[in-house]
Amino acid sequence: MKNSTKDQAEGTLHEVKGKVKEKVGRATNNPNLVDDGQDEKVAGKVQKKVGQVEKVFEK
């Protein structure tokens, strides 16, 4: 698996995990979990974009 594809897949995974954490945090009134979820979601989006940029430069 190419690094760009791997980064995109891991980024998507982190986005999903972040969304789940955020929703669980809101449901349980846990602001720390909400913040962790938002941070992980943003990190996933960044990692996904890095993978997309790497893919462009591989060609």
Protein backbone atom coordinates (compact mmCIF):
# COMPACT_ATOMS: atom_id res chain seq x y z
CA MET A 1 0.00 0.00 0.00
CA LYS A 2 1.37 3.39 -0.96
CA ASN A 3 2.01 5.96 1.75
CA SER A 4 -0.55 8.33 0.28
CA THR A 5 -3.28 5.70 0.37
CA LYS A 6 -2.27 4.67 3.87
CA ASP A 7 -2.42 8.30 5.09
CA GLN A 8 -5.85 8.78 3.53
CA ALA A 9 -7.20 5.60 5.15
CA GLU A 10 -5.75 6.43 8.56
CA GLY A 11 -7.06 9.98 8.27
CA THR A 12 -10.56 8.71 7.58
CA LEU A 13 -10.29 6.33 10.54
CA HIS A 14 -9.27 9.18 12.85
CA GLU A 15 -12.11 11.34 11.57
CA VAL A 16 -14.64 8.63 12.35
CA LYS A 17 -13.16 7.94 15.78
CA GLY A 18 -13.22 11.66 16.51
CA LYS A 19 -16.87 11.96 15.53
CA VAL A 20 -17.78 9.04 17.78
CA LYS A 21 -15.85 10.47 20.73
CA GLU A 22 -17.46 13.86 20.20
CA LYS A 23 -20.99 12.40 20.16
CA VAL A 24 -20.36 10.21 23.20
CA GLY A 25 -18.93 13.21 25.03
CA ARG A 26 -22.00 15.28 24.23
CA ALA A 27 -24.33 12.46 25.32
CA THR A 28 -22.53 12.02 28.63
CA ASN A 29 -21.90 15.74 29.25
CA ASN A 30 -18.15 15.16 29.22
CA PRO A 31 -16.49 18.28 27.74
CA ASN A 32 -13.03 16.67 27.81
CA LEU A 33 -14.22 13.84 25.60
CA VAL A 34 -15.91 16.32 23.25
CA ASP A 35 -12.63 18.23 22.95
CA ASP A 36 -10.63 15.05 22.37
CA GLY A 37 -13.07 14.03 19.67
CA GLN A 38 -12.85 17.37 17.92
CA ASP A 39 -9.06 17.29 18.06
CA GLU A 40 -8.90 13.78 16.65
CA LYS A 41 -11.39 14.69 13.91
CA VAL A 42 -9.29 17.67 12.82
CA ALA A 43 -6.10 15.61 12.94
CA GLY A 44 -7.78 13.03 10.73
CA LYS A 45 -8.78 15.66 8.20
CA VAL A 46 -5.22 16.97 8.09
CA GLN A 47 -3.77 13.49 7.66
CA LYS A 48 -6.27 12.78 4.89
CA LYS A 49 -5.24 15.97 3.05
CA VAL A 50 -1.56 15.07 3.44
CA GLY A 51 -2.31 11.75 1.76
CA GLN A 52 -4.12 13.50 -1.08
CA VAL A 53 -1.18 15.87 -1.63
CA GLU A 54 1.29 12.98 -1.56
CA LYS A 55 -0.77 11.20 -4.19
CA VAL A 56 -0.55 14.21 -6.51
CA PHE A 57 3.23 14.34 -6.21
CA GLU A 58 3.69 10.59 -6.75
CA LYS A 59 2.68 10.87 -10.40
